[in-house]
C-alpha atoms as a PDB file:
ATOM      1  CA  MET A   1     -10.276   2.564  16.336  1.00  0.00           C
ATOM      2  CA  LYS A   2      -9.742   5.185  13.675  1.00  0.00           C
ATOM      3  CA  THR A   3     -12.277   7.841  12.796  1.00  0.00           C
ATOM      4  CA  LYS A   4     -12.639   9.571   9.436  1.00  0.00           C
ATOM      5  CA  SER A   5     -14.006  12.926   8.408  1.00  0.00           C
ATOM      6  CA  TYR A   6     -17.656  12.360   7.533  1.00  0.00           C
ATOM      7  CA  HIS A   7     -17.631  15.369   5.203  1.00  0.00           C
ATOM      8  CA  ASN A   8     -14.586  14.168   3.250  1.00  0.00           C
ATOM      9  CA  LYS A   9     -15.836  10.586   3.157  1.00  0.00           C
ATOM     10  CA  THR A  10     -19.265  11.620   1.859  1.00  0.00           C
ATOM     11  CA  ASN A  11     -17.833  13.902  -0.832  1.00  0.00           C
ATOM     12  CA  ALA A  12     -15.442  11.212  -2.051  1.00  0.00           C
ATOM     13  CA  LEU A  13     -18.113   8.510  -2.175  1.00  0.00           C
ATOM     14  CA  VAL A  14     -20.577  10.804  -3.964  1.00  0.00           C
ATOM     15  CA  SER A  15     -17.897  11.757  -6.484  1.00  0.00           C
ATOM     16  CA  ALA A  16     -17.046   8.105  -7.091  1.00  0.00           C
ATOM     17  CA  ALA A  17     -20.730   7.262  -7.590  1.00  0.00           C
ATOM     18  CA  ILE A  18     -21.160  10.078 -10.107  1.00  0.00           C
ATOM     19  CA  LEU A  19     -18.024   9.054 -12.001  1.00  0.00           C
ATOM     20  CA  SER A  20     -19.175   5.426 -12.147  1.00  0.00           C
ATOM     21  CA  ALA A  21     -22.603   6.474 -13.413  1.00  0.00           C
ATOM     22  CA  VAL A  22     -21.040   8.582 -16.172  1.00  0.00           C
ATOM     23  CA  ALA A  23     -18.799   5.689 -17.216  1.00  0.00           C
ATOM     24  CA  LEU A  24     -21.724   3.262 -17.373  1.00  0.00           C
ATOM     25  CA  ALA A  25     -23.910   5.719 -19.263  1.00  0.00           C
ATOM     26  CA  SER A  26     -21.238   6.297 -21.873  1.00  0.00           C
ATOM     27  CA  GLY A  27     -20.754   2.569 -22.371  1.00  0.00           C
ATOM     28  CA  ASN A  28     -17.019   2.947 -21.769  1.00  0.00           C
ATOM     29  CA  VAL A  29     -14.920  -0.146 -22.356  1.00  0.00           C
ATOM     30  CA  TYR A  30     -11.354   0.232 -21.098  1.00  0.00           C
ATOM     31  CA  ALA A  31      -8.241  -1.719 -21.975  1.00  0.00           C
ATOM     32  CA  ALA A  32      -6.355  -2.447 -18.775  1.00  0.00           C
ATOM     33  CA  GLY A  33      -2.643  -3.100 -18.404  1.00  0.00           C
ATOM     34  CA  ALA A  34      -1.126   0.400 -18.326  1.00  0.00           C
ATOM     35  CA  VAL A  35       1.401  -0.723 -15.710  1.00  0.00           C
ATOM     36  CA  GLY A  36       3.053  -4.084 -15.136  1.00  0.00           C
ATOM     37  CA  PHE A  37       4.074  -5.802 -11.927  1.00  0.00           C
ATOM     38  CA  LYS A  38       7.392  -6.936 -10.508  1.00  0.00           C
ATOM     39  CA  PRO A  39       7.982 -10.529  -9.363  1.00  0.00           C
ATOM     40  CA  TRP A  40       8.386 -11.465  -5.711  1.00  0.00           C
ATOM     41  CA  SER A  41      11.697 -12.963  -4.604  1.00  0.00           C
ATOM     42  CA  SER A  42       9.867 -15.225  -2.182  1.00  0.00           C
ATOM     43  CA  SER A  43       7.468 -18.022  -3.127  1.00  0.00           C
ATOM     44  CA  GLY A  44       4.361 -16.449  -4.608  1.00  0.00           C
ATOM     45  CA  ASN A  45       2.445 -13.300  -3.716  1.00  0.00           C
ATOM     46  CA  VAL A  46       0.031 -14.709  -1.125  1.00  0.00           C
ATOM     47  CA  LEU A  47       0.413 -13.809   2.537  1.00  0.00           C
ATOM     48  CA  ASP A  48      -1.026 -16.567   4.754  1.00  0.00           C
ATOM     49  CA  ALA A  49      -0.254 -18.852   7.698  1.00  0.00           C
ATOM     50  CA  GLY A  50       2.108 -20.922   5.556  1.00  0.00           C
ATOM     51  CA  HIS A  51       3.833 -17.841   4.132  1.00  0.00           C
ATOM     52  CA  PRO A  52       3.819 -15.170   6.874  1.00  0.00           C
ATOM     53  CA  SER A  53       6.333 -13.023   4.996  1.00  0.00           C
ATOM     54  CA  ILE A  54       6.910 -12.198   1.316  1.00  0.00           C
ATOM     55  CA  SER A  55       9.754 -10.107  -0.094  1.00  0.00           C
ATOM     56  CA  ALA A  56      11.290  -8.559  -3.193  1.00  0.00           C
ATOM     57  CA  SER A  57      14.401  -6.590  -4.146  1.00  0.00           C
ATOM     58  CA  GLU A  58      14.737  -3.910  -6.809  1.00  0.00           C
ATOM     59  CA  THR A  59      16.708  -0.815  -7.848  1.00  0.00           C
ATOM     60  CA  GLY A  60      14.755   2.450  -7.695  1.00  0.00           C
ATOM     61  CA  LEU A  61      15.144   5.819  -9.412  1.00  0.00           C
ATOM     62  CA  LYS A  62      15.730   8.849  -7.216  1.00  0.00           C
ATOM     63  CA  SER A  63      12.390  10.621  -7.768  1.00  0.00           C
ATOM     64  CA  ALA A  64       9.950   8.179  -9.381  1.00  0.00           C
ATOM     65  CA  TYR A  65       7.526   8.580  -6.469  1.00  0.00           C
ATOM     66  CA  SER A  66       7.857  12.329  -5.815  1.00  0.00           C
ATOM     67  CA  ASP A  67      10.199  15.362  -5.912  1.00  0.00           C
ATOM     68  CA  ASN A  68      10.756  15.368  -9.706  1.00  0.00           C
ATOM     69  CA  PRO A  69      10.401  19.045 -10.738  1.00  0.00           C
ATOM     70  CA  ALA A  70       9.648  18.103 -14.367  1.00  0.00           C
ATOM     71  CA  LEU A  71       6.428  16.433 -13.157  1.00  0.00           C
ATOM     72  CA  LEU A  72       5.678  19.127 -10.555  1.00  0.00           C
ATOM     73  CA  TYR A  73       6.724  16.534  -7.965  1.00  0.00           C
ATOM     74  CA  SER A  74       4.017  13.975  -8.862  1.00  0.00           C
ATOM     75  CA  SER A  75       4.564  10.218  -9.260  1.00  0.00           C
ATOM     76  CA  TRP A  76       5.834   8.701 -12.520  1.00  0.00           C
ATOM     77  CA  ALA A  77       4.175   5.298 -12.902  1.00  0.00           C
ATOM     78  CA  HIS A  78       6.491   3.862 -15.530  1.00  0.00           C
ATOM     79  CA  THR A  79       9.708   4.567 -13.623  1.00  0.00           C
ATOM     80  CA  GLY A  80       8.512   3.333 -10.226  1.00  0.00           C
ATOM     81  CA  ASP A  81       7.930  -0.278  -9.236  1.00  0.00           C
ATOM     82  CA  TRP A  82       4.609  -2.078  -8.765  1.00  0.00           C
ATOM     83  CA  TRP A  83       3.694  -5.253  -6.885  1.00  0.00           C
ATOM     84  CA  THR A  84       0.412  -6.965  -6.043  1.00  0.00           C
ATOM     85  CA  PHE A  85      -0.257  -9.386  -3.195  1.00  0.00           C
ATOM     86  CA  ARG A  86      -3.199 -11.212  -1.685  1.00  0.00           C
ATOM     87  CA  ASN A  87      -3.695 -11.223   2.055  1.00  0.00           C
ATOM     88  CA  ASP A  88      -5.123 -14.421   3.520  1.00  0.00           C
ATOM     89  CA  ALA A  89      -3.520 -13.971   6.940  1.00  0.00           C
ATOM     90  CA  ALA A  90      -5.687 -13.239   9.982  1.00  0.00           C
ATOM     91  CA  ALA A  91      -3.256 -10.707  11.389  1.00  0.00           C
ATOM     92  CA  ASN A  92      -1.919  -7.195  11.336  1.00  0.00           C
ATOM     93  CA  VAL A  93       0.363  -6.651   8.338  1.00  0.00           C
ATOM     94  CA  THR A  94       3.580  -4.619   8.219  1.00  0.00           C
ATOM     95  CA  LEU A  95       5.205  -3.394   5.004  1.00  0.00           C
ATOM     96  CA  THR A  96       8.810  -2.156   5.079  1.00  0.00           C
ATOM     97  CA  VAL A  97      10.922  -0.602   2.323  1.00  0.00           C
ATOM     98  CA  SER A  98      14.610  -0.405   3.193  1.00  0.00           C
ATOM     99  CA  GLY A  99      16.924   1.384   0.767  1.00  0.00           C
ATOM    100  CA  ASP A 100      20.669   1.779   0.441  1.00  0.00           C
ATOM    101  CA  SER A 101      22.459   5.094   1.045  1.00  0.00           C
ATOM    102  CA  GLY A 102      21.313   6.559  -2.300  1.00  0.00           C
ATOM    103  CA  PHE A 103      17.608   5.703  -2.091  1.00  0.00           C
ATOM    104  CA  SER A 104      14.947   7.587  -0.088  1.00  0.00           C
ATOM    105  CA  PRO A 105      11.778   5.503  -0.521  1.00  0.00           C
ATOM    106  CA  GLY A 106       8.156   6.420  -0.929  1.00  0.00           C
ATOM    107  CA  VAL A 107       5.378   3.812  -0.922  1.00  0.00           C
ATOM    108  CA  THR A 108       1.602   3.754  -1.385  1.00  0.00           C
ATOM    109  CA  VAL A 109      -0.750   0.815  -0.779  1.00  0.00           C
ATOM    110  CA  TRP A 110      -4.193   0.494  -2.411  1.00  0.00           C
ATOM    111  CA  ALA A 111      -6.966  -2.100  -2.059  1.00  0.00           C
ATOM    112  CA  SER A 112      -8.773  -3.705  -5.012  1.00  0.00           C
ATOM    113  CA  GLY A 113     -10.824  -6.176  -2.970  1.00  0.00           C
ATOM    114  CA  ALA A 114     -11.716  -9.553  -4.428  1.00  0.00           C
ATOM    115  CA  ASP A 115      -9.818  -8.995  -7.698  1.00  0.00           C
ATOM    116  CA  GLU A 116      -6.154  -8.321  -8.428  1.00  0.00           C
ATOM    117  CA  PHE A 117      -5.403  -4.833  -9.824  1.00  0.00           C
ATOM    118  CA  ASP A 118      -5.794  -4.940 -13.603  1.00  0.00           C
ATOM    119  CA  GLY A 119      -3.093  -2.343 -14.314  1.00  0.00           C
ATOM    120  CA  GLY A 120      -5.359   0.561 -15.259  1.00  0.00           C
ATOM    121  CA  THR A 121      -5.748   2.378 -18.594  1.00  0.00           C
ATOM    122  CA  THR A 122      -3.283   4.747 -20.263  1.00  0.00           C
ATOM    123  CA  GLY A 123      -4.655   8.265 -20.749  1.00  0.00           C
ATOM    124  CA  PHE A 124      -8.103   7.377 -19.407  1.00  0.00           C
ATOM    125  CA  GLY A 125     -10.468  10.365 -19.464  1.00  0.00           C
ATOM    126  CA  SER A 126      -7.791  12.459 -21.189  1.00  0.00           C
ATOM    127  CA  GLU A 127      -6.564  13.564 -17.764  1.00  0.00           C
ATOM    128  CA  VAL A 128      -3.585  15.920 -18.051  1.00  0.00           C
ATOM    129  CA  SER A 129      -1.577  17.139 -15.076  1.00  0.00           C
ATOM    130  CA  ASN A 130      -0.623  20.735 -14.318  1.00  0.00           C
ATOM    131  CA  ALA A 131       2.802  19.865 -15.755  1.00  0.00           C
ATOM    132  CA  GLY A 132       1.246  18.696 -19.054  1.00  0.00           C
ATOM    133  CA  TRP A 133       1.576  14.920 -18.627  1.00  0.00           C
ATOM    134  CA  GLU A 134      -1.151  12.313 -19.188  1.00  0.00           C
ATOM    135  CA  THR A 135      -1.847   9.443 -16.785  1.00  0.00           C
ATOM    136  CA  PRO A 136      -0.249   7.206 -15.755  1.00  0.00           C
ATOM    137  CA  HIS A 137       3.065   8.677 -16.945  1.00  0.00           C
ATOM    138  CA  SER A 138       2.248  11.180 -14.191  1.00  0.00           C
ATOM    139  CA  PHE A 139      -0.399  10.164 -11.665  1.00  0.00           C
ATOM    140  CA  ASN A 140      -1.801  10.974  -8.235  1.00  0.00           C
ATOM    141  CA  SER A 141      -0.379   8.375  -5.838  1.00  0.00           C
ATOM    142  CA  THR A 142      -1.659   9.833  -2.556  1.00  0.00           C
ATOM    143  CA  GLY A 143      -5.219  10.967  -3.389  1.00  0.00           C
ATOM    144  CA  ALA A 144      -8.520   9.128  -2.958  1.00  0.00           C
ATOM    145  CA  MET A 145      -9.939   7.178  -5.878  1.00  0.00           C
ATOM    146  CA  GLY A 146     -11.907   9.674  -7.975  1.00  0.00           C
ATOM    147  CA  ASP A 147      -9.475  12.548  -7.372  1.00  0.00           C
ATOM    148  CA  ALA A 148      -7.719  14.141 -10.349  1.00  0.00           C
ATOM    149  CA  GLY A 149      -4.949  11.878 -11.598  1.00  0.00           C
ATOM    150  CA  THR A 150      -6.513   8.632 -10.300  1.00  0.00           C
ATOM    151  CA  LEU A 151      -9.222   7.869 -12.892  1.00  0.00           C
ATOM    152  CA  TRP A 152      -6.860   5.702 -14.958  1.00  0.00           C
ATOM    153  CA  MET A 153      -6.842   3.152 -12.093  1.00  0.00           C
ATOM    154  CA  ALA A 154     -10.152   3.811 -10.271  1.00  0.00           C
ATOM    155  CA  ASN A 155     -12.932   1.234 -10.045  1.00  0.00           C
ATOM    156  CA  GLY A 156     -15.690   1.982 -12.575  1.00  0.00           C
ATOM    157  CA  GLN A 157     -13.290   4.181 -14.548  1.00  0.00           C
ATOM    158  CA  GLY A 158     -10.022   3.032 -16.138  1.00  0.00           C
ATOM    159  CA  GLY A 159      -9.290   0.243 -13.668  1.00  0.00           C
ATOM    160  CA  ASN A 160     -10.608  -1.689 -10.702  1.00  0.00           C
ATOM    161  CA  MET A 161      -8.922  -0.014  -7.724  1.00  0.00           C
ATOM    162  CA  ILE A 162     -11.315   0.611  -4.829  1.00  0.00           C
ATOM    163  CA  GLU A 163      -9.495   2.592  -2.146  1.00  0.00           C
ATOM    164  CA  THR A 164      -6.189   4.314  -1.344  1.00  0.00           C
ATOM    165  CA  LEU A 165      -5.148   3.108   2.108  1.00  0.00           C
ATOM    166  CA  GLY A 166      -1.921   4.798   3.155  1.00  0.00           C
ATOM    167  CA  TYR A 167       1.460   6.124   2.112  1.00  0.00           C
ATOM    168  CA  ALA A 168       4.909   6.805   3.588  1.00  0.00           C
ATOM    169  CA  ILE A 169       7.559   9.227   2.308  1.00  0.00           C
ATOM    170  CA  SER A 170      11.131   9.615   3.515  1.00  0.00           C
ATOM    171  CA  GLY A 171      11.941  12.579   1.247  1.00  0.00           C
ATOM    172  CA  PRO A 172      10.748  16.213   1.305  1.00  0.00           C
ATOM    173  CA  SER A 173       7.098  17.310   1.508  1.00  0.00           C
ATOM    174  CA  HIS A 174       5.155  19.117  -1.241  1.00  0.00           C
ATOM    175  CA  ASP A 175       1.803  20.873  -0.809  1.00  0.00           C
ATOM    176  CA  ALA A 176      -1.179  20.812  -3.151  1.00  0.00           C
ATOM    177  CA  ALA A 177      -0.469  24.270  -4.579  1.00  0.00           C
ATOM    178  CA  THR A 178       2.765  23.105  -6.215  1.00  0.00           C
ATOM    179  CA  THR A 179       2.011  19.581  -7.487  1.00  0.00           C
ATOM    180  CA  GLY A 180       0.897  18.095 -10.780  1.00  0.00           C
ATOM    181  CA  TRP A 181      -2.538  16.931  -9.614  1.00  0.00           C
ATOM    182  CA  ASN A 182      -2.962  19.228  -6.597  1.00  0.00           C
ATOM    183  CA  GLU A 183      -2.163  16.256  -4.383  1.00  0.00           C
ATOM    184  CA  THR A 184      -0.169  16.460  -1.148  1.00  0.00           C
ATOM    185  CA  PHE A 185       3.084  14.672  -0.309  1.00  0.00           C
ATOM    186  CA  LEU A 186       3.944  14.766   3.381  1.00  0.00           C
ATOM    187  CA  THR A 187       7.094  13.333   4.904  1.00  0.00           C
ATOM    188  CA  GLY A 188       6.261  10.495   7.287  1.00  0.00           C
ATOM    189  CA  ALA A 189       3.619   7.747   7.350  1.00  0.00           C
ATOM    190  CA  HIS A 190      -0.042   8.596   6.699  1.00  0.00           C
ATOM    191  CA  ASP A 191      -3.419   6.856   6.889  1.00  0.00           C
ATOM    192  CA  VAL A 192      -5.491   8.285   4.005  1.00  0.00           C
ATOM    193  CA  SER A 193      -8.215   5.633   3.788  1.00  0.00           C
ATOM    194  CA  LEU A 194     -11.791   6.903   3.859  1.00  0.00           C
ATOM    195  CA  THR A 195     -13.439   3.803   5.335  1.00  0.00           C
ATOM    196  CA  ASN A 196     -12.703   0.856   7.612  1.00  0.00           C
ATOM    197  CA  THR A 197     -13.507  -1.632   4.865  1.00  0.00           C
ATOM    198  CA  PHE A 198      -9.969  -2.946   4.411  1.00  0.00           C
ATOM    199  CA  GLU A 199      -8.215  -2.105   7.678  1.00  0.00           C
ATOM    200  CA  ASN A 200      -8.864  -0.575  11.066  1.00  0.00           C
ATOM    201  CA  GLY A 201      -6.066   1.948  11.289  1.00  0.00           C
ATOM    202  CA  ILE A 202      -2.620   2.511   9.781  1.00  0.00           C
ATOM    203  CA  THR A 203       0.569   3.512  11.553  1.00  0.00           C
ATOM    204  CA  GLY A 204       4.162   3.667  10.379  1.00  0.00           C
ATOM    205  CA  SER A 205       7.477   5.454  10.365  1.00  0.00           C
ATOM    206  CA  THR A 206      10.130   6.835   8.043  1.00  0.00           C
ATOM    207  CA  SER A 207      13.816   7.701   8.163  1.00  0.00           C
ATOM    208  CA  ALA A 208      16.326   8.806   5.538  1.00  0.00           C
ATOM    209  CA  HIS A 209      16.335   5.440   3.752  1.00  0.00           C
ATOM    210  CA  LEU A 210      13.360   3.578   5.195  1.00  0.00           C
ATOM    211  CA  ALA A 211       9.565   3.699   4.959  1.00  0.00           C
ATOM    212  CA  SER A 212       7.214   1.458   6.927  1.00  0.00           C
ATOM    213  CA  LEU A 213       3.427   1.012   7.219  1.00  0.00           C
ATOM    214  CA  THR A 214       1.469  -1.263   9.561  1.00  0.00           C
ATOM    215  CA  PHE A 215      -2.160  -2.145   8.754  1.00  0.00           C
ATOM    216  CA  ASN A 216      -4.339  -3.070  11.716  1.00  0.00           C
ATOM    217  CA  HIS A 217      -6.640  -6.050  10.962  1.00  0.00           C
ATOM    218  CA  LEU A 218      -5.891  -6.030   7.214  1.00  0.00           C
ATOM    219  CA  ALA A 219      -8.866  -7.652   5.490  1.00  0.00           C
ATOM    220  CA  PRO A 220      -8.559 -10.651   3.162  1.00  0.00           C
ATOM    221  CA  GLY A 221      -8.233  -9.598  -0.468  1.00  0.00           C
ATOM    222  CA  TRP A 222      -5.922  -8.061  -3.072  1.00  0.00           C
ATOM    223  CA  TYR A 223      -3.586  -5.119  -2.519  1.00  0.00           C
ATOM    224  CA  THR A 224      -1.232  -3.107  -4.727  1.00  0.00           C
ATOM    225  CA  VAL A 225       2.082  -1.500  -3.776  1.00  0.00           C
ATOM    226  CA  TYR A 226       3.898   1.309  -5.619  1.00  0.00           C
ATOM    227  CA  ILE A 227       7.475   2.285  -4.669  1.00  0.00           C
ATOM    228  CA  GLY A 228       9.840   4.960  -5.934  1.00  0.00           C
ATOM    229  CA  GLY A 229      12.423   7.480  -4.804  1.00  0.00           C
ATOM    230  CA  THR A 230      11.334  10.711  -3.108  1.00  0.00           C
ATOM    231  CA  ASN A 231      14.480  12.849  -3.164  1.00  0.00           C
ATOM    232  CA  ASN A 232      15.686  14.323  -6.455  1.00  0.00           C
ATOM    233  CA  ALA A 233      18.992  15.311  -4.837  1.00  0.00           C
ATOM    234  CA  THR A 234      20.002  11.672  -4.294  1.00  0.00           C
ATOM    235  CA  ALA A 235      21.390   9.140  -6.767  1.00  0.00           C
ATOM    236  CA  GLY A 236      18.750   6.420  -6.334  1.00  0.00           C
ATOM    237  CA  GLY A 237      19.701   2.846  -5.576  1.00  0.00           C
ATOM    238  CA  ALA A 238      18.729  -0.601  -4.418  1.00  0.00           C
ATOM    239  CA  PHE A 239      15.958  -1.375  -1.945  1.00  0.00           C
ATOM    240  CA  ASP A 240      14.290  -4.354  -0.279  1.00  0.00           C
ATOM    241  CA  LEU A 241      10.531  -4.735   0.184  1.00  0.00           C
ATOM    242  CA  THR A 242       9.183  -7.003   2.923  1.00  0.00           C
ATOM    243  CA  ILE A 243       5.532  -7.611   3.846  1.00  0.00           C
ATOM    244  CA  SER A 244       4.915  -9.620   7.013  1.00  0.00           C
ATOM    245  CA  ALA A 245       1.881 -10.869   8.914  1.00  0.00           C
ATOM    246  CA  VAL A 246       2.186  -9.948  12.589  1.00  0.00           C
ATOM    247  CA  PRO A 247       0.054 -11.962  15.061  1.00  0.00           C
ATOM    248  CA  GLU A 248      -2.397  -9.739  16.920  1.00  0.00           C
ATOM    249  CA  ALA A 249      -2.291  -9.254  20.689  1.00  0.00           C
ATOM    250  CA  ASP A 250      -5.067 -11.774  21.414  1.00  0.00           C
ATOM    251  CA  THR A 251      -3.296 -14.364  19.245  1.00  0.00           C
ATOM    252  CA  TRP A 252      -0.084 -13.889  21.223  1.00  0.00           C
ATOM    253  CA  ALA A 253      -2.047 -14.182  24.468  1.00  0.00           C
ATOM    254  CA  MET A 254      -3.564 -17.493  23.353  1.00  0.00           C
ATOM    255  CA  LEU A 255      -0.143 -18.767  22.270  1.00  0.00           C
ATOM    256  CA  ILE A 256       1.458 -17.831  25.591  1.00  0.00           C
ATOM    257  CA  ALA A 257      -1.434 -19.399  27.504  1.00  0.00           C
ATOM    258  CA  GLY A 258      -1.108 -22.569  25.437  1.00  0.00           C
ATOM    259  CA  LEU A 259       2.647 -22.779  26.045  1.00  0.00           C
ATOM    260  CA  GLY A 260       2.035 -22.216  29.754  1.00  0.00           C
ATOM    261  CA  LEU A 261      -0.477 -25.080  29.825  1.00  0.00           C
ATOM    262  CA  VAL A 262       1.966 -27.385  28.030  1.00  0.00           C
ATOM    263  CA  GLY A 263       4.695 -26.457  30.512  1.00  0.00           C
ATOM    264  CA  TRP A 264       2.398 -27.105  33.473  1.00  0.00           C
ATOM    265  CA  ARG A 265       1.398 -30.515  32.112  1.00  0.00           C
ATOM    266  CA  MET A 266       5.031 -31.488  31.543  1.00  0.00           C
ATOM    267  CA  ARG A 267       6.010 -30.465  35.088  1.00  0.00           C
ATOM    268  CA  LYS A 268       3.036 -32.377  36.530  1.00  0.00           C
ATOM    269  CA  TYR A 269       3.936 -35.456  34.476  1.00  0.00           C
ATOM    270  CA  GLN A 270       7.563 -35.332  35.669  1.00  0.00           C
ATOM    271  CA  LYS A 271       6.444 -34.919  39.312  1.00  0.00           C
ATOM    272  CA  ASP A 272       4.004 -37.841  39.057  1.00  0.00           C
ATOM    273  CA  SER A 273       6.708 -40.006  37.445  1.00  0.00           C
ATOM    274  CA  ILE A 274       9.162 -39.288  40.275  1.00  0.00           C
ATOM    275  CA  GLN A 275       6.552 -40.125  42.928  1.00  0.00           C
ATOM    276  CA  THR A 276       5.758 -43.421  41.148  1.00  0.00           C
ATOM    277  CA  ILE A 277       9.423 -44.418  41.079  1.00  0.00           C
ATOM    278  CA  VAL A 278       9.870 -43.610  44.760  1.00  0.00           C
END
C-alpha cells in the first residue's frame, strides 16, 4: 500500500481549495475545449469485462512531451496526443506506449472522476511559462493540479481535472530549475498521485522506445492520457497505445480454483461412468 507525504498532500489540497474559492468568488465562467481527443482504434473508449483491452495508433513528434529547448523542456499540448477512457473493469490496469526506432515516448495519466475531461481552457488565469508561452500551448504535465501551468485544466479552474496520477518518460531528465513551469521530468516511471482516491499504487518501466504504467486497483471513472516524444535529438515516429485490464491475484486464484473443481468433477464423472459399465 502506497504512502504519501502528508506535508505535500496538505499543501496541495489547501492550494486547490484556495484556488477554487477564488474562482467561485470571481464568478468565473470558462469555455472548455482547449485540447481535442484522438479516436481509439478499438471499439469505444470503455474498459470493462467485455472489452478488457483498448488500443490506438498515432505518429508522435520528437519532443511534444518534453526536451524541447524552445519551451524550456515543458510539454506542448497542441503537438502531443490526447485520449480519454472510462474504466469499468474491476482489475489492475496497465498502459503501454510502444514507439518505433525514432520515437521515445512520454505519457501522463490524470483522473477526472465521474465526468470525462472537458478539454480545459486556453490561457486560463493568464498563466505564462518561464519561456513566455501561455497554457496550454506550454503546460505542466507532471505537476499536481493547482501547480503553475495546470490551472487551464484543473477542477474549479479552467477545467474539471481532479488529480495527476503518474507519468513515464523514456527520454532525458530535466530538473525544476531549468523548466518552463518549474516542474520536474525524470526518466523512468513515477507515481505522483497525492491520494489513494483513484488507485492504490503505480509501478511501471521505460526503455529507449517504450513507456509503461500499471495502476493497482484503478477506480471506476474517467481518465485522460497525454503522449508525446521526450528526446529532441530523435526524429519522432509512430507509436501504439494499449490499455489493458489485468485480473488481480485473488481473481486469478478464484479462476484457478474453479478450473480445478471442474477438472475434479470431470475426472469423478469419468471414473463413475467406467465403474457403471463394468
